[in-house]
Amino acid sequence: MDSGLLRPFPKRQRERYKGVFFIMGIEKGTNSFAVGLYENREMVHIGAFHRGLKEKEQETLRQTIIQNQTQDEGSFIKVAPAICVELSFQSMVGRELVDPVFVSFQLAVPAMACTWDKLICDNNDVHPDVRITHSDKLVWKDLSIDKENYIAYLIQISPYMLPFLRNRILTLIRYPQGIPGESFFQKDCPSYAPDFIATEREGDKSYIVCNDLSTLCWLGNQLAIEFHIPFQTVGDDRPLEIVLDLDPPSREQFQLAVKAAIEMKKIFDTFGIVGFPKLSGGKGLQIHIPISKSSSLTYDDARVFTSFLAHFLVEQFPDDFTIERLKKNRGGRLYIDYIQHAAGKTIICPYSARGNEDATVAAPLYWEELNDQLSAQTFHIPYVLERLTRVSCPMSGFFKQENRGLDLVIAKLKEKSTVLR
């Protein structure tokens, strides 16, 4: 799993990236032409080039900028976005092109079509059968997030999301008309799916298994918004993780989930257990506890631990937490769902978007972020992408975590249970 900061355009050994950009002006000292893109509907400077132009092309472009300038800042002559050019480049550092070279003028392309998300979508190695259809279709209408924006999100987030999807059967929630709009669950792989889509037969259904970027992008084009995964991988009946769902009565009572998570962390620390908190993307939190690959823990073993945690917290804080399954009987308390962790059940995948009007994400968190300032609504698609440019993924160490303490605690709990009988 990628543990570093988000880098959509890593350095390539051979083939260079390409994209269409609009001219922003000319740097007088170097005669380099500044270029930009639109990102989240804002104009962003993304570098400057001088290589690749013939002498006549360079002079024509320079004169055009001077004649149509909107501002002369001394060392820089600014022009309104109108002239578009295709450039090749080696990589990108932050939002700065590395070794950009002129390829051609793209005078028929409107400046508004030069976007960060289009650059992302046009420069990824996916199967040729993956095509973005109706790219300008609004998915989150209130936030003006269209299909191209969404697929660009999936591409950028894929190094962090795919490890959790890999070798797990998928339950999807699709929103074919966008959000808000009608939705439906999809478990069976549709008959029109291309041949490269991997599937796994379980019972009477042929589930999709998303192991690569091509599958992820194809599903994104189908407007699969929510990706729900089981707790075990294909061909294994043992869980690879334990997940506890902390479900407050409402968004306004989100701090109950924060309190429950912090109290769980105290228990984890006592027993040497490592857990990873994440937002559910809805109104609560979920705690992922990895199980060592060498462990023989079963779902029944895991239930011993989740039951202990839930009952202990309810005992300590009866006014705040409950294990009552009927909502009408919870009395405004947070529900600690320890029963959900079982064979055949699913949980929202880390970094999956949710089908609400805020475009929130099931975003992993650092423990120190669990405080009274935390708001689930902050973690929407644009924010999560921006955050990963400055903060590494909190779950980057998930698949390397041995969690030996978990096996020891469960063994002791089972031993104690046997003695009490």
Protein backbone atom coordinates (compact mmCIF):
# COMPACT_ATOMS: atom_id res chain seq x y z
CA MET A 1 0.00 0.00 0.00
CA ASP A 2 1.22 3.50 -0.86
CA SER A 3 2.35 5.18 2.36
CA GLY A 4 3.52 8.46 0.85
CA LEU A 5 1.78 11.66 -0.10
CA LEU A 6 -0.51 11.78 -3.12
CA ARG A 7 1.52 11.99 -6.35
CA PRO A 8 -0.71 11.55 -9.41
CA PHE A 9 2.15 11.91 -11.92
CA PRO A 10 5.22 9.97 -10.74
CA LYS A 11 8.32 10.01 -12.92
CA ARG A 12 8.13 7.66 -15.92
CA GLN A 13 11.14 5.88 -17.37
CA ARG A 14 10.10 6.06 -21.03
CA GLU A 15 6.70 7.35 -22.12
CA ARG A 16 5.95 10.94 -21.19
CA TYR A 17 2.66 12.37 -19.96
CA LYS A 18 0.63 14.68 -22.19
CA GLY A 19 -2.04 17.27 -21.56
CA VAL A 20 -3.73 20.40 -22.86
CA PHE A 21 -3.20 23.64 -20.92
CA PHE A 22 -4.11 27.29 -21.39
CA ILE A 23 -1.51 30.05 -21.66
CA MET A 24 -1.48 32.41 -18.67
CA GLY A 25 1.26 34.76 -19.83
CA ILE A 26 4.96 35.16 -20.54
CA GLU A 27 7.91 35.48 -18.16
CA LYS A 28 10.00 38.33 -19.62
CA GLY A 29 13.37 37.25 -18.26
CA THR A 30 13.29 33.70 -19.61
CA ASN A 31 10.75 34.02 -22.44
CA SER A 32 8.99 31.04 -20.88
CA PHE A 33 5.25 30.72 -21.32
CA ALA A 34 3.24 30.12 -18.15
CA VAL A 35 0.42 27.59 -18.37
CA GLY A 36 -2.48 26.67 -16.17
CA LEU A 37 -5.55 24.52 -15.58
CA TYR A 38 -8.86 24.82 -13.83
CA GLU A 39 -9.09 22.88 -10.58
CA ASN A 40 -12.36 22.96 -8.64
CA ARG A 41 -13.37 25.78 -10.99
CA GLU A 42 -10.38 27.90 -9.94
CA MET A 43 -7.51 28.88 -12.26
CA VAL A 44 -4.24 27.25 -11.14
CA HIS A 45 -0.72 27.97 -12.41
CA ILE A 46 0.94 24.66 -13.25
CA GLY A 47 4.30 25.52 -14.77
CA ALA A 48 6.06 27.22 -17.68
CA PHE A 49 7.65 25.98 -20.91
CA HIS A 50 9.94 27.26 -23.65
CA ARG A 51 11.21 24.07 -25.31
CA GLY A 52 9.63 22.58 -28.44
CA LEU A 53 8.48 25.78 -30.11
CA LYS A 54 9.90 26.78 -33.46
CA GLU A 55 11.33 30.30 -33.57
CA LYS A 56 8.40 31.63 -35.59
CA GLU A 57 5.84 29.95 -33.29
CA GLN A 58 7.54 31.40 -30.24
CA GLU A 59 7.55 34.94 -31.65
CA THR A 60 3.93 34.70 -32.80
CA LEU A 61 2.82 33.51 -29.36
CA ARG A 62 4.85 36.23 -27.63
CA GLN A 63 3.34 38.97 -29.79
CA THR A 64 -0.19 37.61 -29.32
CA ILE A 65 0.24 37.75 -25.54
CA ILE A 66 1.63 41.29 -25.64
CA GLN A 67 -1.20 42.50 -27.87
CA ASN A 68 -3.89 40.88 -25.70
CA GLN A 69 -2.35 41.39 -22.27
CA THR A 70 -4.60 42.03 -19.30
CA GLN A 71 -1.82 43.10 -16.96
CA ASP A 72 1.91 43.89 -17.05
CA GLU A 73 3.48 42.97 -13.72
CA GLY A 74 6.99 43.99 -14.71
CA SER A 75 8.60 40.59 -15.02
CA PHE A 76 5.40 38.90 -16.17
CA ILE A 77 2.82 39.81 -18.81
CA LYS A 78 -0.55 38.27 -18.02
CA VAL A 79 -3.19 37.22 -20.54
CA ALA A 80 -6.74 35.90 -20.11
CA PRO A 81 -7.14 32.13 -20.66
CA ALA A 82 -7.87 31.60 -24.37
CA ILE A 83 -4.87 30.06 -26.14
CA CYS A 84 -4.52 26.33 -25.47
CA VAL A 85 -1.45 24.18 -26.12
CA GLU A 86 -0.62 20.51 -25.82
CA LEU A 87 2.51 19.78 -23.79
CA SER A 88 4.37 16.63 -22.89
CA PHE A 89 6.03 16.39 -19.48
CA GLN A 90 8.13 13.96 -17.49
CA SER A 91 6.35 14.15 -14.14
CA MET A 92 4.87 16.61 -11.71
CA VAL A 93 6.04 17.79 -8.30
CA GLY A 94 3.13 19.17 -6.35
CA ARG A 95 1.26 21.17 -8.98
CA GLU A 96 4.37 21.98 -11.07
CA LEU A 97 5.20 20.37 -14.42
CA VAL A 98 8.63 18.77 -14.71
CA ASP A 99 10.39 19.22 -18.09
CA PRO A 100 7.36 20.46 -20.09
CA VAL A 101 7.82 20.49 -23.88
CA PHE A 102 5.53 22.06 -26.49
CA VAL A 103 3.75 19.56 -28.78
CA SER A 104 1.11 21.58 -30.64
CA PHE A 105 -1.36 24.44 -30.51
CA GLN A 106 -4.91 23.37 -29.63
CA LEU A 107 -6.81 26.43 -30.82
CA ALA A 108 -10.14 24.60 -31.09
CA VAL A 109 -10.07 23.64 -27.40
CA PRO A 110 -11.83 26.10 -25.06
CA ALA A 111 -9.82 27.12 -22.01
CA MET A 112 -12.58 25.87 -19.67
CA ALA A 113 -11.93 22.34 -21.00
CA CYS A 114 -8.39 22.41 -19.58
CA THR A 115 -8.99 20.89 -16.16
CA TRP A 116 -6.95 19.02 -13.59
CA ASP A 117 -9.42 16.14 -13.61
CA LYS A 118 -9.26 15.75 -17.39
CA LEU A 119 -5.46 15.67 -17.16
CA ILE A 120 -5.75 12.90 -14.55
CA CYS A 121 -8.25 10.88 -16.59
CA ASP A 122 -6.30 11.22 -19.86
CA ASN A 123 -3.00 10.01 -18.39
CA ASN A 124 -3.78 6.72 -16.73
CA ASP A 125 -2.96 3.26 -18.01
CA VAL A 126 -6.32 1.54 -18.05
CA HIS A 127 -7.78 -1.12 -20.32
CA PRO A 128 -8.85 0.28 -23.73
CA ASP A 129 -12.42 -0.86 -23.03
CA VAL A 130 -12.63 1.67 -20.18
CA ARG A 131 -14.22 4.84 -21.52
CA ILE A 132 -15.74 7.73 -19.65
CA THR A 133 -19.21 8.31 -21.05
CA HIS A 134 -21.20 11.50 -20.38
CA SER A 135 -18.22 12.93 -18.48
CA ASP A 136 -20.07 16.16 -17.67
CA LYS A 137 -23.02 14.38 -16.05
CA LEU A 138 -23.54 15.74 -12.55
CA VAL A 139 -23.12 13.12 -9.84
CA TRP A 140 -23.31 15.32 -6.76
CA LYS A 141 -25.61 18.03 -8.06
CA ASP A 142 -25.37 20.44 -5.11
CA LEU A 143 -21.56 20.40 -5.22
CA SER A 144 -21.28 20.40 -9.04
CA ILE A 145 -19.15 17.23 -8.98
CA ASP A 146 -19.53 15.55 -12.36
CA LYS A 147 -18.59 12.08 -13.53
CA GLU A 148 -15.13 13.13 -14.73
CA ASN A 149 -14.45 14.70 -11.31
CA TYR A 150 -15.55 11.47 -9.62
CA ILE A 151 -13.46 9.16 -11.80
CA ALA A 152 -10.46 11.46 -11.34
CA TYR A 153 -11.00 11.02 -7.59
CA LEU A 154 -10.99 7.23 -7.95
CA ILE A 155 -7.80 7.33 -10.04
CA GLN A 156 -5.97 9.51 -7.55
CA ILE A 157 -7.19 7.59 -4.51
CA SER A 158 -6.55 4.14 -6.06
CA PRO A 159 -3.09 3.55 -4.48
CA TYR A 160 -4.76 3.84 -1.07
CA MET A 161 -8.15 2.24 -1.82
CA LEU A 162 -7.24 -0.75 -4.01
CA PRO A 163 -5.31 -2.64 -1.28
CA PHE A 164 -8.55 -2.83 0.73
CA LEU A 165 -10.61 -3.92 -2.29
CA ARG A 166 -8.13 -6.52 -3.49
CA ASN A 167 -9.40 -10.12 -3.50
CA ARG A 168 -12.68 -9.23 -1.79
CA ILE A 169 -16.09 -9.64 -3.38
CA LEU A 170 -17.95 -6.37 -3.85
CA THR A 171 -21.38 -5.15 -2.93
CA LEU A 172 -21.95 -1.86 -4.72
CA ILE A 173 -24.51 0.89 -4.40
CA ARG A 174 -25.05 2.65 -7.72
CA TYR A 175 -26.69 6.01 -8.38
CA PRO A 176 -27.33 6.02 -12.14
CA GLN A 177 -28.97 9.46 -12.09
CA GLY A 178 -26.62 11.02 -9.56
CA ILE A 179 -27.20 12.22 -6.01
CA PRO A 180 -29.85 12.85 -4.88
CA GLY A 181 -31.55 10.19 -6.96
CA GLU A 182 -32.64 6.60 -6.99
CA SER A 183 -30.05 4.00 -6.02
CA PHE A 184 -29.78 0.23 -6.01
CA PHE A 185 -27.54 -2.49 -4.61
CA GLN A 186 -25.52 -4.50 -7.10
CA LYS A 187 -23.94 -7.82 -6.20
CA ASP A 188 -24.11 -9.75 -9.47
CA CYS A 189 -21.69 -8.76 -12.21
CA PRO A 190 -23.81 -7.48 -15.13
CA SER A 191 -23.78 -9.43 -18.39
CA TYR A 192 -22.46 -6.41 -20.30
CA ALA A 193 -19.28 -6.17 -18.19
CA PRO A 194 -16.07 -6.37 -20.27
CA ASP A 195 -13.96 -9.52 -20.15
CA PHE A 196 -11.22 -8.02 -17.98
CA ILE A 197 -13.59 -7.65 -15.00
CA ALA A 198 -12.66 -10.38 -12.49
CA THR A 199 -15.50 -12.24 -10.77
CA GLU A 200 -15.96 -14.78 -8.01
CA ARG A 201 -18.89 -17.15 -7.73
CA GLU A 202 -20.53 -17.40 -4.30
CA GLY A 203 -23.89 -19.10 -4.03
CA ASP A 204 -26.09 -17.99 -6.91
CA LYS A 205 -24.20 -14.76 -7.55
CA SER A 206 -21.13 -13.83 -9.56
CA TYR A 207 -19.52 -11.01 -7.59
CA ILE A 208 -17.09 -8.45 -9.00
CA VAL A 209 -13.59 -8.47 -7.52
CA CYS A 210 -11.83 -5.12 -7.97
CA ASN A 211 -8.09 -5.78 -8.12
CA ASP A 212 -6.96 -3.06 -10.50
CA LEU A 213 -7.44 0.50 -11.67
CA SER A 214 -9.24 -0.53 -14.88
CA THR A 215 -11.99 -2.25 -12.89
CA LEU A 216 -12.24 0.67 -10.47
CA CYS A 217 -12.61 3.19 -13.30
CA TRP A 218 -15.14 1.01 -15.14
CA LEU A 219 -17.23 0.81 -11.97
CA GLY A 220 -16.91 4.56 -11.51
CA ASN A 221 -18.26 5.09 -15.02
CA GLN A 222 -21.23 2.91 -14.01
CA LEU A 223 -21.71 5.38 -11.13
CA ALA A 224 -20.95 2.83 -8.46
CA ILE A 225 -20.58 5.24 -5.54
CA GLU A 226 -20.42 3.03 -2.44
CA PHE A 227 -17.99 0.10 -2.28
CA HIS A 228 -18.86 -2.37 0.48
CA ILE A 229 -16.46 -5.22 1.28
CA PRO A 230 -16.58 -8.36 3.44
CA PHE A 231 -14.09 -8.97 6.25
CA GLN A 232 -12.34 -11.84 4.48
CA THR A 233 -10.69 -12.38 1.11
CA VAL A 234 -11.80 -14.75 -1.64
CA GLY A 235 -11.21 -18.41 -0.76
CA ASP A 236 -10.70 -17.79 2.96
CA ASP A 237 -13.37 -18.25 5.60
CA ARG A 238 -11.34 -16.45 8.29
CA PRO A 239 -11.47 -12.68 8.80
CA LEU A 240 -8.41 -10.59 7.97
CA GLU A 241 -9.66 -7.78 10.19
CA ILE A 242 -12.10 -6.93 12.96
CA VAL A 243 -14.25 -3.84 12.45
CA LEU A 244 -16.38 -2.15 15.09
CA ASP A 245 -19.12 0.21 13.94
CA LEU A 246 -19.86 3.17 16.23
CA ASP A 247 -23.25 4.46 15.19
CA PRO A 248 -24.60 7.58 16.96
CA PRO A 249 -28.31 8.43 16.77
CA SER A 250 -27.67 11.44 14.51
CA ARG A 251 -24.97 13.61 12.94
CA GLU A 252 -25.49 16.10 15.76
CA GLN A 253 -24.40 13.43 18.26
CA PHE A 254 -21.21 12.53 16.37
CA GLN A 255 -19.12 13.28 19.46
CA LEU A 256 -20.55 10.14 21.07
CA ALA A 257 -18.69 8.15 18.40
CA VAL A 258 -15.51 10.11 19.14
CA LYS A 259 -15.87 9.32 22.85
CA ALA A 260 -16.45 5.61 22.20
CA ALA A 261 -13.41 5.42 19.91
CA ILE A 262 -11.16 7.16 22.45
CA GLU A 263 -12.31 4.79 25.19
CA MET A 264 -11.62 1.81 22.90
CA LYS A 265 -8.15 3.14 22.21
CA LYS A 266 -7.42 3.06 25.96
CA ILE A 267 -8.33 -0.63 26.00
CA PHE A 268 -6.23 -1.33 22.89
CA ASP A 269 -3.21 0.36 24.47
CA THR A 270 -3.60 -1.71 27.63
CA PHE A 271 -3.42 -4.95 25.65
CA GLY A 272 -0.92 -3.87 22.97
CA ILE A 273 -3.50 -3.91 20.17
CA VAL A 274 -3.30 -1.58 17.16
CA GLY A 275 -6.51 -0.22 15.66
CA PHE A 276 -7.16 2.23 12.84
CA PRO A 277 -10.08 4.68 13.09
CA LYS A 278 -11.98 5.93 10.06
CA LEU A 279 -15.06 7.97 9.40
CA SER A 280 -17.97 5.90 8.18
CA GLY A 281 -18.75 8.66 5.69
CA GLY A 282 -22.16 8.84 7.32
CA LYS A 283 -22.79 9.89 10.89
CA GLY A 284 -20.33 7.69 12.79
CA LEU A 285 -16.92 6.08 13.07
CA GLN A 286 -15.51 2.61 12.44
CA ILE A 287 -12.45 1.02 14.01
CA HIS A 288 -10.44 -1.44 11.88
CA ILE A 289 -8.24 -3.93 13.74
CA PRO A 290 -5.94 -5.96 11.45
CA ILE A 291 -5.47 -9.67 12.10
CA SER A 292 -2.05 -11.20 11.44
CA LYS A 293 -1.78 -13.36 8.31
CA SER A 294 -0.34 -16.13 10.46
CA SER A 295 -3.25 -15.98 12.91
CA SER A 296 -5.88 -18.72 13.00
CA LEU A 297 -8.59 -16.51 14.52
CA THR A 298 -12.12 -17.28 13.37
CA TYR A 299 -15.23 -15.12 13.31
CA ASP A 300 -16.33 -16.81 16.54
CA ASP A 301 -13.02 -15.88 18.14
CA ALA A 302 -13.40 -12.30 16.95
CA ARG A 303 -16.91 -12.16 18.42
CA VAL A 304 -15.44 -12.95 21.84
CA PHE A 305 -13.36 -9.77 21.60
CA THR A 306 -15.99 -7.47 20.06
CA SER A 307 -18.58 -8.64 22.59
CA PHE A 308 -16.16 -7.93 25.45
CA LEU A 309 -15.44 -4.42 24.14
CA ALA A 310 -19.08 -3.54 23.60
CA HIS A 311 -20.30 -4.86 26.95
CA PHE A 312 -17.40 -3.26 28.83
CA LEU A 313 -18.07 0.19 27.36
CA VAL A 314 -21.82 -0.06 27.96
CA GLU A 315 -21.10 -1.07 31.55
CA GLN A 316 -18.77 1.90 32.04
CA PHE A 317 -20.95 4.47 30.23
CA PRO A 318 -24.57 3.25 30.32
CA ASP A 319 -25.95 6.72 29.56
CA ASP A 320 -23.86 7.10 26.40
CA PHE A 321 -23.59 3.66 24.78
CA THR A 322 -25.86 0.71 24.09
CA ILE A 323 -25.91 -2.66 22.34
CA GLU A 324 -29.68 -2.46 21.84
CA ARG A 325 -30.43 -3.35 18.21
CA LEU A 326 -33.88 -1.70 18.09
CA LYS A 327 -33.45 2.02 17.40
CA LYS A 328 -36.60 2.94 19.32
CA ASN A 329 -35.11 1.43 22.49
CA ARG A 330 -31.70 3.15 22.32
CA GLY A 331 -32.83 6.33 24.02
CA GLY A 332 -30.42 8.69 22.28
CA ARG A 333 -27.38 6.52 23.01
CA LEU A 334 -24.68 5.43 20.57
CA TYR A 335 -25.07 1.90 19.25
CA ILE A 336 -21.91 -0.21 19.39
CA ASP A 337 -22.50 -2.68 16.59
CA TYR A 338 -20.34 -5.70 17.39
CA ILE A 339 -22.72 -8.18 15.71
CA GLN A 340 -22.09 -6.69 12.25
CA HIS A 341 -18.63 -8.31 12.20
CA ALA A 342 -19.56 -11.72 10.81
CA ALA A 343 -19.31 -13.91 7.73
CA GLY A 344 -21.56 -12.60 4.97
CA LYS A 345 -21.63 -9.06 6.37
CA THR A 346 -19.91 -6.06 4.80
CA ILE A 347 -18.42 -2.69 5.74
CA ILE A 348 -17.80 0.44 3.68
CA CYS A 349 -14.33 0.35 2.10
CA PRO A 350 -11.78 2.97 3.24
CA TYR A 351 -11.86 5.95 0.87
CA SER A 352 -15.20 4.99 -0.69
CA ALA A 353 -17.49 7.95 -1.26
CA ARG A 354 -20.99 7.83 0.21
CA GLY A 355 -24.31 8.43 -1.48
CA ASN A 356 -25.22 11.54 0.45
CA GLU A 357 -25.52 15.10 -0.80
CA ASP A 358 -22.28 16.19 0.94
CA ALA A 359 -20.07 13.77 -1.09
CA THR A 360 -18.46 12.64 2.16
CA VAL A 361 -15.84 9.89 2.21
CA ALA A 362 -15.13 6.94 4.52
CA ALA A 363 -11.83 8.61 5.36
CA PRO A 364 -9.13 7.05 7.57
CA LEU A 365 -8.02 9.18 10.51
CA TYR A 366 -5.13 9.46 12.93
CA TRP A 367 -6.06 8.82 16.55
CA GLU A 368 -4.99 12.32 17.55
CA GLU A 369 -7.59 13.73 15.15
CA LEU A 370 -10.38 12.33 17.31
CA ASN A 371 -11.34 15.42 19.28
CA ASP A 372 -14.23 17.82 19.79
CA GLN A 373 -13.26 19.73 16.63
CA LEU A 374 -13.67 16.74 14.31
CA SER A 375 -16.52 17.00 11.80
CA ALA A 376 -17.44 14.23 9.38
CA GLN A 377 -18.82 16.77 6.90
CA THR A 378 -15.33 18.24 6.39
CA PHE A 379 -14.11 15.05 4.73
CA HIS A 380 -15.73 15.32 1.32
CA ILE A 381 -14.11 14.29 -1.98
CA PRO A 382 -12.18 17.54 -2.73
CA TYR A 383 -10.94 17.84 0.86
CA VAL A 384 -9.74 14.22 1.08
CA LEU A 385 -7.68 14.64 -2.10
CA GLU A 386 -6.18 17.91 -0.87
CA ARG A 387 -5.43 16.38 2.53
CA LEU A 388 -3.45 13.52 0.96
CA THR A 389 -1.11 16.02 -0.70
CA ARG A 390 0.09 17.08 2.77
CA VAL A 391 -0.80 14.20 5.13
CA SER A 392 0.11 10.56 4.48
CA CYS A 393 -2.57 7.87 4.67
CA PRO A 394 -3.37 7.00 8.32
CA MET A 395 -3.94 3.34 7.35
CA SER A 396 -0.68 2.93 5.42
CA GLY A 397 0.66 0.43 7.97
CA PHE A 398 -2.53 -1.63 8.13
CA PHE A 399 -1.39 -4.67 6.15
CA LYS A 400 2.00 -4.83 7.88
CA GLN A 401 0.55 -4.87 11.39
CA GLU A 402 0.98 -8.21 13.18
CA ASN A 403 -1.24 -7.41 16.20
CA ARG A 404 0.02 -10.34 18.27
CA GLY A 405 -1.66 -8.82 21.31
CA LEU A 406 -5.06 -9.52 19.78
CA ASP A 407 -4.58 -13.30 19.75
CA LEU A 408 -3.35 -13.23 23.36
CA VAL A 409 -6.32 -11.19 24.61
CA ILE A 410 -8.85 -13.40 22.85
CA ALA A 411 -7.18 -16.53 24.25
CA LYS A 412 -7.43 -15.07 27.77
CA LEU A 413 -11.06 -14.05 27.29
CA LYS A 414 -11.94 -17.55 26.07
CA GLU A 415 -10.08 -19.10 28.97
CA LYS A 416 -11.92 -16.88 31.45
CA SER A 417 -15.25 -17.75 29.82
CA THR A 418 -14.49 -21.47 30.17
CA VAL A 419 -13.63 -21.09 33.85
CA LEU A 420 -16.85 -19.15 34.55
CA ARG A 421 -18.90 -21.96 33.07
